[in-house]
N, C-alpha and C. Protein backbone atom coordinates (compact mmCIF):
# COMPACT_ATOMS: atom_id res chain seq x y z
N MET A 1 26.49 -23.49 -11.95
CA MET A 1 26.89 -22.16 -12.38
C MET A 1 26.15 -21.14 -11.51
N THR A 2 26.89 -20.24 -10.92
CA THR A 2 26.33 -19.15 -10.14
C THR A 2 26.24 -17.92 -11.02
N THR A 3 25.05 -17.32 -11.07
CA THR A 3 24.85 -16.13 -11.89
C THR A 3 24.93 -14.87 -11.02
N VAL A 4 25.47 -13.79 -11.62
CA VAL A 4 25.76 -12.57 -10.86
C VAL A 4 25.25 -11.35 -11.62
N MET A 5 24.66 -10.41 -10.87
CA MET A 5 24.34 -9.08 -11.38
C MET A 5 25.26 -8.10 -10.66
N ILE A 6 25.86 -7.18 -11.42
CA ILE A 6 26.72 -6.16 -10.85
C ILE A 6 26.01 -4.82 -10.98
N CYS A 7 25.85 -4.12 -9.86
CA CYS A 7 25.24 -2.79 -9.87
C CYS A 7 26.23 -1.80 -9.28
N ASP A 8 26.80 -0.97 -10.15
CA ASP A 8 27.77 0.04 -9.71
C ASP A 8 27.72 1.20 -10.69
N ASP A 9 27.76 2.41 -10.18
CA ASP A 9 27.67 3.58 -11.05
C ASP A 9 28.98 3.92 -11.75
N ASP A 10 30.07 3.30 -11.35
CA ASP A 10 31.37 3.54 -11.98
C ASP A 10 31.61 2.50 -13.08
N PRO A 11 31.67 2.92 -14.34
CA PRO A 11 31.82 1.95 -15.43
C PRO A 11 33.13 1.15 -15.35
N ILE A 12 34.18 1.75 -14.81
CA ILE A 12 35.45 1.03 -14.69
C ILE A 12 35.31 -0.10 -13.68
N VAL A 13 34.66 0.17 -12.57
CA VAL A 13 34.44 -0.86 -11.55
C VAL A 13 33.57 -1.98 -12.12
N ARG A 14 32.47 -1.61 -12.79
CA ARG A 14 31.58 -2.62 -13.38
C ARG A 14 32.34 -3.53 -14.34
N GLU A 15 33.09 -2.92 -15.24
CA GLU A 15 33.81 -3.71 -16.24
C GLU A 15 34.90 -4.57 -15.61
N ALA A 16 35.63 -4.02 -14.63
CA ALA A 16 36.70 -4.78 -13.98
C ALA A 16 36.13 -5.96 -13.20
N LEU A 17 35.07 -5.71 -12.43
CA LEU A 17 34.44 -6.82 -11.69
C LEU A 17 33.88 -7.87 -12.64
N GLY A 18 33.22 -7.41 -13.69
CA GLY A 18 32.67 -8.34 -14.66
C GLY A 18 33.74 -9.21 -15.30
N ALA A 19 34.84 -8.59 -15.71
CA ALA A 19 35.93 -9.33 -16.33
C ALA A 19 36.56 -10.32 -15.35
N TYR A 20 36.76 -9.88 -14.12
CA TYR A 20 37.34 -10.76 -13.10
C TYR A 20 36.45 -11.96 -12.83
N LEU A 21 35.14 -11.71 -12.66
CA LEU A 21 34.23 -12.81 -12.35
C LEU A 21 34.06 -13.76 -13.53
N GLU A 22 34.08 -13.24 -14.75
CA GLU A 22 33.92 -14.09 -15.92
C GLU A 22 35.10 -15.05 -16.09
N ARG A 23 36.26 -14.70 -15.53
CA ARG A 23 37.42 -15.60 -15.61
C ARG A 23 37.22 -16.85 -14.77
N GLU A 24 36.36 -16.76 -13.77
CA GLU A 24 36.07 -17.92 -12.93
C GLU A 24 35.17 -18.87 -13.70
N GLY A 25 35.45 -20.12 -13.67
CA GLY A 25 34.70 -21.09 -14.45
C GLY A 25 33.28 -21.33 -14.00
N ASP A 26 32.99 -21.05 -12.74
CA ASP A 26 31.67 -21.37 -12.21
C ASP A 26 30.80 -20.13 -11.97
N LEU A 27 31.19 -18.98 -12.53
CA LEU A 27 30.42 -17.74 -12.38
C LEU A 27 30.06 -17.19 -13.75
N GLU A 28 28.84 -16.65 -13.86
CA GLU A 28 28.40 -16.02 -15.09
C GLU A 28 27.76 -14.68 -14.75
N VAL A 29 28.27 -13.61 -15.32
CA VAL A 29 27.68 -12.28 -15.12
C VAL A 29 26.51 -12.16 -16.09
N VAL A 30 25.29 -12.05 -15.53
CA VAL A 30 24.09 -12.01 -16.36
C VAL A 30 23.58 -10.59 -16.58
N ALA A 31 24.07 -9.63 -15.79
CA ALA A 31 23.66 -8.23 -15.97
C ALA A 31 24.67 -7.33 -15.28
N MET A 32 24.94 -6.18 -15.94
CA MET A 32 25.74 -5.12 -15.34
C MET A 32 24.94 -3.84 -15.52
N VAL A 33 24.59 -3.22 -14.39
CA VAL A 33 23.74 -2.03 -14.43
C VAL A 33 24.39 -0.89 -13.66
N GLU A 34 23.94 0.33 -13.99
CA GLU A 34 24.56 1.54 -13.44
C GLU A 34 23.82 2.09 -12.23
N THR A 35 22.51 1.84 -12.14
CA THR A 35 21.71 2.42 -11.05
C THR A 35 20.86 1.35 -10.37
N ALA A 36 20.41 1.70 -9.18
CA ALA A 36 19.52 0.81 -8.45
C ALA A 36 18.21 0.62 -9.20
N GLU A 37 17.75 1.67 -9.84
CA GLU A 37 16.51 1.58 -10.61
C GLU A 37 16.65 0.59 -11.76
N GLU A 38 17.82 0.58 -12.41
CA GLU A 38 18.08 -0.39 -13.47
C GLU A 38 18.11 -1.81 -12.91
N ALA A 39 18.71 -1.97 -11.75
CA ALA A 39 18.76 -3.30 -11.12
C ALA A 39 17.35 -3.81 -10.86
N LEU A 40 16.50 -2.94 -10.32
CA LEU A 40 15.12 -3.34 -10.05
C LEU A 40 14.37 -3.68 -11.34
N ALA A 41 14.63 -2.92 -12.39
CA ALA A 41 13.96 -3.15 -13.67
C ALA A 41 14.42 -4.45 -14.34
N GLN A 42 15.68 -4.84 -14.11
CA GLN A 42 16.22 -6.01 -14.80
C GLN A 42 16.27 -7.28 -13.97
N ILE A 43 15.96 -7.18 -12.69
CA ILE A 43 16.12 -8.33 -11.79
C ILE A 43 15.27 -9.53 -12.23
N GLU A 44 14.06 -9.27 -12.68
CA GLU A 44 13.19 -10.38 -13.07
C GLU A 44 13.70 -11.11 -14.30
N ALA A 45 14.19 -10.37 -15.28
CA ALA A 45 14.71 -10.99 -16.50
C ALA A 45 16.05 -11.69 -16.24
N ALA A 46 16.91 -11.07 -15.43
CA ALA A 46 18.24 -11.62 -15.19
C ALA A 46 18.22 -12.79 -14.21
N ARG A 47 17.37 -12.71 -13.19
CA ARG A 47 17.26 -13.75 -12.15
C ARG A 47 18.62 -14.23 -11.62
N PRO A 48 19.47 -13.30 -11.17
CA PRO A 48 20.80 -13.70 -10.69
C PRO A 48 20.72 -14.42 -9.35
N ASP A 49 21.73 -15.25 -9.10
CA ASP A 49 21.86 -15.88 -7.79
C ASP A 49 22.44 -14.89 -6.78
N VAL A 50 23.29 -13.98 -7.27
CA VAL A 50 23.99 -13.02 -6.42
C VAL A 50 23.91 -11.64 -7.07
N VAL A 51 23.70 -10.61 -6.25
CA VAL A 51 23.76 -9.23 -6.73
C VAL A 51 24.89 -8.53 -5.97
N LEU A 52 25.87 -8.01 -6.71
CA LEU A 52 26.92 -7.19 -6.11
C LEU A 52 26.44 -5.75 -6.23
N MET A 53 26.08 -5.16 -5.10
CA MET A 53 25.42 -3.85 -5.08
C MET A 53 26.31 -2.80 -4.44
N ASP A 54 26.62 -1.75 -5.20
CA ASP A 54 27.31 -0.57 -4.66
C ASP A 54 26.36 0.09 -3.67
N LEU A 55 26.86 0.51 -2.53
CA LEU A 55 25.99 1.16 -1.54
C LEU A 55 25.76 2.63 -1.84
N ALA A 56 26.75 3.29 -2.43
CA ALA A 56 26.65 4.73 -2.70
C ALA A 56 26.32 4.94 -4.18
N LEU A 57 25.04 4.93 -4.48
CA LEU A 57 24.56 5.12 -5.85
C LEU A 57 23.79 6.43 -5.95
N PRO A 58 23.78 7.04 -7.12
CA PRO A 58 22.94 8.24 -7.29
C PRO A 58 21.47 7.83 -7.27
N GLY A 59 20.61 8.69 -6.80
CA GLY A 59 19.19 8.32 -6.70
C GLY A 59 18.98 7.38 -5.53
N MET A 60 18.37 6.25 -5.78
CA MET A 60 18.15 5.24 -4.75
C MET A 60 19.49 4.63 -4.37
N ASP A 61 19.80 4.59 -3.06
CA ASP A 61 21.07 4.01 -2.65
C ASP A 61 21.00 2.48 -2.63
N GLY A 62 22.16 1.86 -2.48
CA GLY A 62 22.25 0.41 -2.54
C GLY A 62 21.51 -0.32 -1.44
N ILE A 63 21.43 0.29 -0.26
CA ILE A 63 20.71 -0.34 0.85
C ILE A 63 19.22 -0.38 0.56
N GLU A 64 18.68 0.74 0.13
CA GLU A 64 17.26 0.80 -0.23
C GLU A 64 16.95 -0.14 -1.39
N ALA A 65 17.85 -0.19 -2.36
CA ALA A 65 17.66 -1.08 -3.51
C ALA A 65 17.69 -2.54 -3.10
N THR A 66 18.59 -2.89 -2.20
CA THR A 66 18.67 -4.27 -1.73
C THR A 66 17.39 -4.66 -1.01
N ARG A 67 16.86 -3.76 -0.20
CA ARG A 67 15.59 -4.04 0.47
C ARG A 67 14.48 -4.27 -0.55
N ALA A 68 14.44 -3.44 -1.59
CA ALA A 68 13.42 -3.58 -2.63
C ALA A 68 13.60 -4.89 -3.40
N LEU A 69 14.84 -5.25 -3.69
CA LEU A 69 15.10 -6.51 -4.39
C LEU A 69 14.66 -7.71 -3.56
N LEU A 70 14.97 -7.67 -2.27
CA LEU A 70 14.58 -8.78 -1.40
C LEU A 70 13.07 -8.90 -1.25
N ALA A 71 12.37 -7.79 -1.36
CA ALA A 71 10.92 -7.80 -1.25
C ALA A 71 10.25 -8.25 -2.55
N SER A 72 10.99 -8.26 -3.65
CA SER A 72 10.40 -8.63 -4.94
C SER A 72 10.27 -10.14 -5.05
N ASP A 73 9.39 -10.57 -5.94
CA ASP A 73 9.20 -11.99 -6.19
C ASP A 73 10.31 -12.58 -7.04
N ALA A 74 11.15 -11.75 -7.63
CA ALA A 74 12.18 -12.20 -8.55
C ALA A 74 13.42 -12.78 -7.83
N VAL A 75 13.56 -12.51 -6.56
CA VAL A 75 14.72 -12.98 -5.81
C VAL A 75 14.43 -14.36 -5.25
N HIS A 76 15.37 -15.28 -5.47
CA HIS A 76 15.19 -16.64 -4.95
C HIS A 76 16.03 -16.89 -3.74
């Protein structure tokens, strides 16, 4: 089972991606967050295999957030 975190500021996109991925038998959405800061706060608890990160986020952008996630100990 591959676990996924979705980070997107648009609730429609988050819900649509989550619903689409959940239909796949080998994927599990473990977290859906609105901001990069939320992704960083939840990454350790969620421990996803994959993070789908929006690049254009309010506050910290997706590129900066991805760098921070990769630098954290929570990413495998």
